[in-house]
Amino acid sequence: MATIKTATLTFRIDPGLKEALRIAADQEHRSIANMIEVLIRNYCEERGIAIPLSGETNNNHGVRS
């Protein structure tokens, strides 16, 4: 089975929001990282934003990824 490469995302968040995220993740038996991924996927799906497959991203706009 092929391993999918993942990217690291680091950001700061209000402690209260982090606690709410931890509670939400616990309620769904998910890790915080997986909960964030699910929330982002749901957001994109609701708004018709395509999520590129691994290796399809193209970042030539001077923006850090």
Protein backbone atom coordinates (compact mmCIF):
# COMPACT_ATOMS: atom_id res chain seq x y z
CA MET A 1 0.00 0.00 0.00
CA ALA A 2 1.40 3.41 -0.97
CA THR A 3 2.06 5.95 1.75
CA ILE A 4 0.56 9.40 1.24
CA LYS A 5 2.95 12.24 2.02
CA THR A 6 1.65 14.83 4.44
CA ALA A 7 2.57 18.47 5.00
CA THR A 8 3.14 20.19 8.32
CA LEU A 9 0.96 23.16 9.24
CA THR A 10 1.85 25.30 12.25
CA PHE A 11 -0.33 28.13 13.50
CA ARG A 12 -1.31 29.96 16.67
CA ILE A 13 -4.83 29.76 18.04
CA ASP A 14 -6.75 31.24 20.96
CA PRO A 15 -6.57 28.82 23.93
CA GLY A 16 -10.37 28.75 24.27
CA LEU A 17 -10.77 27.82 20.62
CA LYS A 18 -8.14 25.11 21.00
CA GLU A 19 -10.03 23.67 23.97
CA ALA A 20 -13.28 23.66 21.97
CA LEU A 21 -11.44 21.88 19.15
CA ARG A 22 -10.07 19.31 21.61
CA ILE A 23 -13.57 18.65 22.97
CA ALA A 24 -15.01 18.31 19.44
CA ALA A 25 -12.22 15.91 18.48
CA ASP A 26 -12.78 13.84 21.63
CA GLN A 27 -16.51 13.61 20.94
CA GLU A 28 -15.79 12.20 17.47
CA HIS A 29 -12.90 9.99 18.67
CA ARG A 30 -10.46 11.86 16.44
CA SER A 31 -7.07 13.45 16.94
CA ILE A 32 -6.96 17.23 16.83
CA ALA A 33 -5.04 17.05 13.53
CA ASN A 34 -7.64 14.75 12.00
CA MET A 35 -10.47 16.97 13.29
CA ILE A 36 -8.91 20.00 11.60
CA GLU A 37 -8.54 18.04 8.35
CA VAL A 38 -12.21 16.99 8.48
CA LEU A 39 -13.32 20.58 9.15
CA ILE A 40 -11.26 21.91 6.22
CA ARG A 41 -12.55 19.18 3.89
CA ASN A 42 -16.16 19.89 4.92
CA TYR A 43 -15.66 23.64 4.43
CA CYS A 44 -14.23 23.12 0.95
CA GLU A 45 -16.96 20.65 -0.03
CA GLU A 46 -19.72 23.04 1.10
CA ARG A 47 -18.21 25.85 -1.00
CA GLY A 48 -17.26 23.87 -4.08
CA ILE A 49 -13.52 24.24 -3.53
CA ALA A 50 -11.61 21.38 -5.16
CA ILE A 51 -8.93 19.74 -3.06
CA PRO A 52 -5.96 18.80 -5.26
CA LEU A 53 -4.61 15.27 -4.99
CA SER A 54 -1.19 14.89 -3.40
CA GLY A 55 1.46 16.19 -5.78
CA GLU A 56 -0.96 18.40 -7.72
CA THR A 57 -0.38 21.59 -5.72
CA ASN A 58 1.36 24.44 -7.51
CA ASN A 59 2.65 27.25 -5.31
CA ASN A 60 4.30 29.86 -7.53
CA HIS A 61 2.80 32.92 -5.86
CA GLY A 62 5.52 33.64 -3.29
CA VAL A 63 3.30 32.32 -0.52
CA ARG A 64 4.65 29.96 2.10
CA SER A 65 2.82 26.65 2.24
